[in-house]
Amino acid sequence: MKDLMGLMKQAQAMQQKMAEAQARLDEAEVTGEAGAGLIAMTMTAKGDLKRVSIDKSLIDPDEPEILEDLILAAHADARRKAEVRQQEVLKEAAGGLDLPPGMNLPF
């Protein structure tokens, strides 16, 4: 019975760490760029888009495809950075456990 109580305390501590990690992910921001920084997107580590910055030199009504492609590239860059930040924060919260990619805690 003593082991069960210890296990329950560990589970509660892990749950608290995960809640704190989720809060940090809400606050952590990453910025993805494209076109040598002419387009930038900032999002939280959870993937919520916060800001988009587009240099006016890219706004050409005759060639919207260039702007569209750069927006997609900036978003992909920001998303990759957000995923890295997620893994860092969750790994720290999990006490160094090596979680498989895509495994989001708490379950």
C-alpha atoms as a PDB file:
ATOM      1  CA  MET A   1       0.000   0.000   0.000  1.00  0.00           C
ATOM      2  CA  LYS A   2       2.925   2.312   0.705  1.00  0.00           C
ATOM      3  CA  ASP A   3       4.144   1.928  -2.898  1.00  0.00           C
ATOM      4  CA  LEU A   4       0.708   2.826  -4.210  1.00  0.00           C
ATOM      5  CA  MET A   5       0.695   6.069  -2.203  1.00  0.00           C
ATOM      6  CA  GLY A   6       4.150   6.933  -3.523  1.00  0.00           C
ATOM      7  CA  LEU A   7       3.007   6.227  -7.069  1.00  0.00           C
ATOM      8  CA  MET A   8      -0.039   8.450  -6.568  1.00  0.00           C
ATOM      9  CA  LYS A   9       2.174  11.293  -5.302  1.00  0.00           C
ATOM     10  CA  GLN A  10       4.455  10.905  -8.327  1.00  0.00           C
ATOM     11  CA  ALA A  11       1.449  10.976 -10.649  1.00  0.00           C
ATOM     12  CA  GLN A  12       0.151  14.144  -8.988  1.00  0.00           C
ATOM     13  CA  ALA A  13       3.575  15.786  -9.256  1.00  0.00           C
ATOM     14  CA  MET A  14       3.784  14.835 -12.948  1.00  0.00           C
ATOM     15  CA  GLN A  15       0.284  16.201 -13.534  1.00  0.00           C
ATOM     16  CA  GLN A  16       1.285  19.514 -11.922  1.00  0.00           C
ATOM     17  CA  LYS A  17       4.459  19.708 -14.021  1.00  0.00           C
ATOM     18  CA  MET A  18       2.468  19.059 -17.182  1.00  0.00           C
ATOM     19  CA  ALA A  19      -0.059  21.768 -16.304  1.00  0.00           C
ATOM     20  CA  GLU A  20       2.817  24.210 -15.772  1.00  0.00           C
ATOM     21  CA  ALA A  21       4.379  23.129 -19.076  1.00  0.00           C
ATOM     22  CA  GLN A  22       1.105  23.716 -20.924  1.00  0.00           C
ATOM     23  CA  ALA A  23       0.937  27.228 -19.445  1.00  0.00           C
ATOM     24  CA  ARG A  24       4.520  27.899 -20.576  1.00  0.00           C
ATOM     25  CA  LEU A  25       3.619  26.703 -24.080  1.00  0.00           C
ATOM     26  CA  ASP A  26       0.754  29.209 -24.161  1.00  0.00           C
ATOM     27  CA  GLU A  27       3.214  32.007 -23.374  1.00  0.00           C
ATOM     28  CA  ALA A  28       6.235  30.880 -25.406  1.00  0.00           C
ATOM     29  CA  GLU A  29       6.417  32.530 -28.819  1.00  0.00           C
ATOM     30  CA  VAL A  30       8.398  31.561 -31.906  1.00  0.00           C
ATOM     31  CA  THR A  31       8.840  33.503 -35.133  1.00  0.00           C
ATOM     32  CA  GLY A  32       9.116  31.948 -38.568  1.00  0.00           C
ATOM     33  CA  GLU A  33      10.515  33.900 -41.493  1.00  0.00           C
ATOM     34  CA  ALA A  34      10.639  33.675 -45.275  1.00  0.00           C
ATOM     35  CA  GLY A  35      12.046  35.782 -48.070  1.00  0.00           C
ATOM     36  CA  ALA A  36      15.110  36.778 -46.058  1.00  0.00           C
ATOM     37  CA  GLY A  37      12.894  38.137 -43.290  1.00  0.00           C
ATOM     38  CA  LEU A  38      10.494  40.050 -45.538  1.00  0.00           C
ATOM     39  CA  ILE A  39       7.659  37.974 -44.098  1.00  0.00           C
ATOM     40  CA  ALA A  40       7.521  36.980 -40.445  1.00  0.00           C
ATOM     41  CA  MET A  41       4.900  35.061 -38.472  1.00  0.00           C
ATOM     42  CA  THR A  42       4.857  34.831 -34.709  1.00  0.00           C
ATOM     43  CA  MET A  43       2.900  32.106 -32.970  1.00  0.00           C
ATOM     44  CA  THR A  44       2.726  30.470 -29.588  1.00  0.00           C
ATOM     45  CA  ALA A  45       4.461  27.149 -29.085  1.00  0.00           C
ATOM     46  CA  LYS A  46       0.962  25.649 -29.173  1.00  0.00           C
ATOM     47  CA  GLY A  47       0.454  26.992 -32.691  1.00  0.00           C
ATOM     48  CA  ASP A  48      -1.808  29.989 -32.108  1.00  0.00           C
ATOM     49  CA  LEU A  49      -0.931  32.710 -34.622  1.00  0.00           C
ATOM     50  CA  LYS A  50      -0.180  36.031 -32.915  1.00  0.00           C
ATOM     51  CA  ARG A  51       1.323  38.344 -35.553  1.00  0.00           C
ATOM     52  CA  VAL A  52       2.049  38.529 -39.260  1.00  0.00           C
ATOM     53  CA  SER A  53       4.484  41.031 -40.726  1.00  0.00           C
ATOM     54  CA  ILE A  54       4.729  41.580 -44.491  1.00  0.00           C
ATOM     55  CA  ASP A  55       7.203  43.986 -46.049  1.00  0.00           C
ATOM     56  CA  LYS A  56       5.342  46.345 -48.374  1.00  0.00           C
ATOM     57  CA  SER A  57       7.793  45.632 -51.200  1.00  0.00           C
ATOM     58  CA  LEU A  58       6.195  42.171 -51.549  1.00  0.00           C
ATOM     59  CA  ILE A  59       2.707  43.488 -52.198  1.00  0.00           C
ATOM     60  CA  ASP A  60       2.353  43.295 -55.960  1.00  0.00           C
ATOM     61  CA  PRO A  61      -1.215  42.844 -57.215  1.00  0.00           C
ATOM     62  CA  ASP A  62       0.128  41.361 -60.453  1.00  0.00           C
ATOM     63  CA  GLU A  63       2.035  38.561 -58.684  1.00  0.00           C
ATOM     64  CA  PRO A  64       0.058  37.399 -55.641  1.00  0.00           C
ATOM     65  CA  GLU A  65       1.570  33.905 -55.926  1.00  0.00           C
ATOM     66  CA  ILE A  66       4.938  35.116 -54.637  1.00  0.00           C
ATOM     67  CA  LEU A  67       3.367  36.564 -51.517  1.00  0.00           C
ATOM     68  CA  GLU A  68       1.214  33.475 -51.010  1.00  0.00           C
ATOM     69  CA  ASP A  69       4.222  31.150 -51.262  1.00  0.00           C
ATOM     70  CA  LEU A  70       6.256  33.233 -48.830  1.00  0.00           C
ATOM     71  CA  ILE A  71       3.394  33.285 -46.321  1.00  0.00           C
ATOM     72  CA  LEU A  72       3.192  29.505 -46.476  1.00  0.00           C
ATOM     73  CA  ALA A  73       6.962  29.200 -46.053  1.00  0.00           C
ATOM     74  CA  ALA A  74       6.976  31.536 -43.041  1.00  0.00           C
ATOM     75  CA  HIS A  75       4.143  29.575 -41.445  1.00  0.00           C
ATOM     76  CA  ALA A  76       5.963  26.276 -41.993  1.00  0.00           C
ATOM     77  CA  ASP A  77       9.117  27.733 -40.427  1.00  0.00           C
ATOM     78  CA  ALA A  78       7.202  29.001 -37.396  1.00  0.00           C
ATOM     79  CA  ARG A  79       5.393  25.667 -37.026  1.00  0.00           C
ATOM     80  CA  ARG A  80       8.692  23.738 -37.016  1.00  0.00           C
ATOM     81  CA  LYS A  81      10.075  26.063 -34.357  1.00  0.00           C
ATOM     82  CA  ALA A  82       6.897  25.682 -32.283  1.00  0.00           C
ATOM     83  CA  GLU A  83       7.191  21.891 -32.411  1.00  0.00           C
ATOM     84  CA  VAL A  84      10.808  22.061 -31.242  1.00  0.00           C
ATOM     85  CA  ARG A  85       9.807  24.356 -28.370  1.00  0.00           C
ATOM     86  CA  GLN A  86       6.958  21.994 -27.427  1.00  0.00           C
ATOM     87  CA  GLN A  87       9.298  19.036 -27.247  1.00  0.00           C
ATOM     88  CA  GLU A  88      11.812  20.983 -25.155  1.00  0.00           C
ATOM     89  CA  VAL A  89       9.207  22.159 -22.644  1.00  0.00           C
ATOM     90  CA  LEU A  90       7.442  18.808 -22.378  1.00  0.00           C
ATOM     91  CA  LYS A  91      10.698  16.891 -22.070  1.00  0.00           C
ATOM     92  CA  GLU A  92      11.736  19.161 -19.223  1.00  0.00           C
ATOM     93  CA  ALA A  93       8.363  18.733 -17.526  1.00  0.00           C
ATOM     94  CA  ALA A  94       8.502  14.955 -17.951  1.00  0.00           C
ATOM     95  CA  GLY A  95      11.751  14.868 -16.020  1.00  0.00           C
ATOM     96  CA  GLY A  96      13.920  14.079 -19.007  1.00  0.00           C
ATOM     97  CA  LEU A  97      11.785  11.250 -20.356  1.00  0.00           C
ATOM     98  CA  ASP A  98      12.339  10.905 -24.084  1.00  0.00           C
ATOM     99  CA  LEU A  99       8.836  11.216 -25.527  1.00  0.00           C
ATOM    100  CA  PRO A 100       8.134   9.996 -29.046  1.00  0.00           C
ATOM    101  CA  PRO A 101       7.348  12.708 -31.634  1.00  0.00           C
ATOM    102  CA  GLY A 102       3.703  13.712 -31.620  1.00  0.00           C
ATOM    103  CA  MET A 103       3.104  12.435 -28.112  1.00  0.00           C
ATOM    104  CA  ASN A 104       1.366  15.261 -26.293  1.00  0.00           C
ATOM    105  CA  LEU A 105       1.079  15.223 -22.546  1.00  0.00           C
ATOM    106  CA  PRO A 106      -1.118  15.275 -20.612  1.00  0.00           C
ATOM    107  CA  PHE A 107      -2.982  12.572 -22.465  1.00  0.00           C
END
